[in-house]
């Protein structure tokens, strides 16, 4: 790959990152849960659980942090989580492009 082509690919990936918007690590889950009241419908056979309840969770310094969300908040967090996954993928692409190009430059330096 020519230097100008590598540079233009690198710049294109950087532009994709700029266009992402907010990114939030973690995942959003939808849960249905029993309440524990023995007379409740959630304890019947078959159980009819309460919910849906939405929850965002992410590990920070080895501890899982969770946050209850409304349905609208869950939709927004899902978009941010998708942006975060896309961001990670784009950063890996930047790293690969940078490694390839810097290896080429280092090789050129050693031959001179």
C-alpha atoms as a PDB file:
ATOM      1  CA  UNK A   1       0.000   0.000   0.000  1.00  0.00           C
ATOM      2  CA  UNK A   2       1.404   3.393  -0.983  1.00  0.00           C
ATOM      3  CA  UNK A   3       2.008   5.999   1.695  1.00  0.00           C
ATOM      4  CA  UNK A   4      -0.687   8.324   0.316  1.00  0.00           C
ATOM      5  CA  UNK A   5      -3.237   5.483   0.204  1.00  0.00           C
ATOM      6  CA  UNK A   6      -2.387   4.464   3.787  1.00  0.00           C
ATOM      7  CA  UNK A   7      -2.683   8.069   4.942  1.00  0.00           C
ATOM      8  CA  UNK A   8      -6.063   8.520   3.232  1.00  0.00           C
ATOM      9  CA  UNK A   9      -7.384   5.276   4.802  1.00  0.00           C
ATOM     10  CA  UNK A  10      -6.112   6.408   8.197  1.00  0.00           C
ATOM     11  CA  UNK A  11      -7.836   9.787   7.796  1.00  0.00           C
ATOM     12  CA  UNK A  12     -11.068   8.091   6.641  1.00  0.00           C
ATOM     13  CA  UNK A  13     -11.154   5.950   9.798  1.00  0.00           C
ATOM     14  CA  UNK A  14     -10.496   9.027  11.947  1.00  0.00           C
ATOM     15  CA  UNK A  15     -13.425  10.757  10.226  1.00  0.00           C
ATOM     16  CA  UNK A  16     -15.691   7.786  10.994  1.00  0.00           C
ATOM     17  CA  UNK A  17     -14.699   8.097  14.652  1.00  0.00           C
ATOM     18  CA  UNK A  18     -15.480  11.826  14.644  1.00  0.00           C
ATOM     19  CA  UNK A  19     -18.951  11.103  13.234  1.00  0.00           C
ATOM     20  CA  UNK A  20     -19.873   8.515  15.887  1.00  0.00           C
ATOM     21  CA  UNK A  21     -21.358  10.647  18.625  1.00  0.00           C
ATOM     22  CA  UNK A  22     -21.502   9.565  22.259  1.00  0.00           C
ATOM     23  CA  UNK A  23     -20.180   6.121  23.122  1.00  0.00           C
ATOM     24  CA  UNK A  24     -20.901   4.243  26.339  1.00  0.00           C
ATOM     25  CA  UNK A  25     -19.337   0.913  27.261  1.00  0.00           C
ATOM     26  CA  UNK A  26     -21.509  -1.840  28.666  1.00  0.00           C
ATOM     27  CA  UNK A  27     -24.687  -3.579  27.663  1.00  0.00           C
ATOM     28  CA  UNK A  28     -28.404  -3.135  28.113  1.00  0.00           C
ATOM     29  CA  UNK A  29     -30.533  -6.081  29.143  1.00  0.00           C
ATOM     30  CA  UNK A  30     -34.268  -6.533  29.362  1.00  0.00           C
ATOM     31  CA  UNK A  31     -35.427  -8.592  32.317  1.00  0.00           C
ATOM     32  CA  UNK A  32     -38.596 -10.124  33.648  1.00  0.00           C
ATOM     33  CA  UNK A  33     -38.462 -10.945  37.346  1.00  0.00           C
ATOM     34  CA  UNK A  34     -40.489 -12.446  40.182  1.00  0.00           C
ATOM     35  CA  UNK A  35     -41.302 -10.262  43.170  1.00  0.00           C
ATOM     36  CA  UNK A  36     -41.229 -12.984  45.819  1.00  0.00           C
ATOM     37  CA  UNK A  37     -44.804 -12.536  47.039  1.00  0.00           C
ATOM     38  CA  UNK A  38     -46.209 -16.114  47.270  1.00  0.00           C
ATOM     39  CA  UNK A  39     -49.714 -14.926  46.270  1.00  0.00           C
ATOM     40  CA  UNK A  40     -48.517 -13.015  43.195  1.00  0.00           C
ATOM     41  CA  UNK A  41     -49.013 -14.095  39.569  1.00  0.00           C
ATOM     42  CA  UNK A  42     -45.226 -14.342  39.228  1.00  0.00           C
ATOM     43  CA  UNK A  43     -45.307 -17.390  41.527  1.00  0.00           C
ATOM     44  CA  UNK A  44     -48.121 -19.169  39.637  1.00  0.00           C
ATOM     45  CA  UNK A  45     -47.649 -22.167  37.352  1.00  0.00           C
ATOM     46  CA  UNK A  46     -46.664 -21.107  34.754  1.00  0.00           C
ATOM     47  CA  UNK A  47     -45.227 -17.913  36.215  1.00  0.00           C
ATOM     48  CA  UNK A  48     -46.127 -14.523  34.727  1.00  0.00           C
ATOM     49  CA  UNK A  49     -43.083 -12.461  35.634  1.00  0.00           C
ATOM     50  CA  UNK A  50     -43.046  -8.693  36.182  1.00  0.00           C
ATOM     51  CA  UNK A  51     -41.391  -6.479  33.619  1.00  0.00           C
ATOM     52  CA  UNK A  52     -39.866  -5.725  31.353  1.00  0.00           C
ATOM     53  CA  UNK A  53     -37.201  -3.949  33.373  1.00  0.00           C
ATOM     54  CA  UNK A  54     -34.197  -2.494  31.607  1.00  0.00           C
ATOM     55  CA  UNK A  55     -30.714  -2.434  33.035  1.00  0.00           C
ATOM     56  CA  UNK A  56     -27.366  -1.140  31.840  1.00  0.00           C
ATOM     57  CA  UNK A  57     -24.273  -2.815  33.271  1.00  0.00           C
ATOM     58  CA  UNK A  58     -20.543  -2.466  32.839  1.00  0.00           C
ATOM     59  CA  UNK A  59     -17.469  -3.548  34.748  1.00  0.00           C
ATOM     60  CA  UNK A  60     -15.384  -0.703  36.183  1.00  0.00           C
ATOM     61  CA  UNK A  61     -12.142  -1.591  37.974  1.00  0.00           C
ATOM     62  CA  UNK A  62     -13.295  -5.169  38.457  1.00  0.00           C
ATOM     63  CA  UNK A  63     -16.713  -4.279  39.882  1.00  0.00           C
ATOM     64  CA  UNK A  64     -19.934  -4.456  37.936  1.00  0.00           C
ATOM     65  CA  UNK A  65     -21.871  -1.230  37.912  1.00  0.00           C
ATOM     66  CA  UNK A  66     -25.573  -1.462  37.075  1.00  0.00           C
ATOM     67  CA  UNK A  67     -28.184   1.155  36.424  1.00  0.00           C
ATOM     68  CA  UNK A  68     -31.949   0.726  36.074  1.00  0.00           C
ATOM     69  CA  UNK A  69     -33.349   2.410  32.974  1.00  0.00           C
ATOM     70  CA  UNK A  70     -36.669   3.398  31.510  1.00  0.00           C
ATOM     71  CA  UNK A  71     -37.514   2.021  28.076  1.00  0.00           C
ATOM     72  CA  UNK A  72     -36.515   5.340  26.441  1.00  0.00           C
ATOM     73  CA  UNK A  73     -33.240   5.398  28.367  1.00  0.00           C
ATOM     74  CA  UNK A  74     -32.593   1.793  27.343  1.00  0.00           C
ATOM     75  CA  UNK A  75     -33.046   2.694  23.664  1.00  0.00           C
ATOM     76  CA  UNK A  76     -30.563   5.557  24.032  1.00  0.00           C
ATOM     77  CA  UNK A  77     -28.043   3.421  25.938  1.00  0.00           C
ATOM     78  CA  UNK A  78     -28.275   0.707  23.289  1.00  0.00           C
ATOM     79  CA  UNK A  79     -27.325   3.272  20.641  1.00  0.00           C
ATOM     80  CA  UNK A  80     -24.414   4.509  22.754  1.00  0.00           C
ATOM     81  CA  UNK A  81     -23.287   0.920  23.368  1.00  0.00           C
ATOM     82  CA  UNK A  82     -23.415   0.255  19.615  1.00  0.00           C
ATOM     83  CA  UNK A  83     -21.335   3.403  19.073  1.00  0.00           C
ATOM     84  CA  UNK A  84     -18.852   2.133  21.663  1.00  0.00           C
ATOM     85  CA  UNK A  85     -18.509  -1.228  19.870  1.00  0.00           C
ATOM     86  CA  UNK A  86     -18.044   0.607  16.581  1.00  0.00           C
ATOM     87  CA  UNK A  87     -15.453   2.882  18.205  1.00  0.00           C
ATOM     88  CA  UNK A  88     -13.455  -0.114  19.459  1.00  0.00           C
ATOM     89  CA  UNK A  89     -13.550  -1.693  16.003  1.00  0.00           C
ATOM     90  CA  UNK A  90     -12.413   1.542  14.345  1.00  0.00           C
ATOM     91  CA  UNK A  91      -9.571   1.980  16.854  1.00  0.00           C
ATOM     92  CA  UNK A  92      -8.379  -1.560  16.080  1.00  0.00           C
ATOM     93  CA  UNK A  93      -8.432  -0.632  12.387  1.00  0.00           C
ATOM     94  CA  UNK A  94      -6.404   2.523  13.122  1.00  0.00           C
ATOM     95  CA  UNK A  95      -3.893   0.441  15.067  1.00  0.00           C
ATOM     96  CA  UNK A  96      -3.540  -2.058  12.209  1.00  0.00           C
ATOM     97  CA  UNK A  97      -3.077   0.721   9.641  1.00  0.00           C
ATOM     98  CA  UNK A  98      -0.571   2.511  11.877  1.00  0.00           C
ATOM     99  CA  UNK A  99       1.422  -0.664  12.520  1.00  0.00           C
ATOM    100  CA  UNK A 100       1.575  -1.503   8.836  1.00  0.00           C
ATOM    101  CA  UNK A 101       2.654   2.006   7.847  1.00  0.00           C
ATOM    102  CA  UNK A 102       5.146   2.490  10.689  1.00  0.00           C
ATOM    103  CA  UNK A 103       6.662  -0.939   9.913  1.00  0.00           C
ATOM    104  CA  UNK A 104       7.122   0.236   6.327  1.00  0.00           C
ATOM    105  CA  UNK A 105       8.763   3.485   7.504  1.00  0.00           C
ATOM    106  CA  UNK A 106      11.049   1.625   9.927  1.00  0.00           C
ATOM    107  CA  UNK A 107      12.030  -0.773   7.150  1.00  0.00           C
ATOM    108  CA  UNK A 108      12.887   2.159   4.885  1.00  0.00           C
ATOM    109  CA  UNK A 109      15.014   3.722   7.641  1.00  0.00           C
ATOM    110  CA  UNK A 110      16.964   0.510   8.230  1.00  0.00           C
ATOM    111  CA  UNK A 111      17.744   0.169   4.501  1.00  0.00           C
ATOM    112  CA  UNK A 112      19.240   3.650   4.326  1.00  0.00           C
END
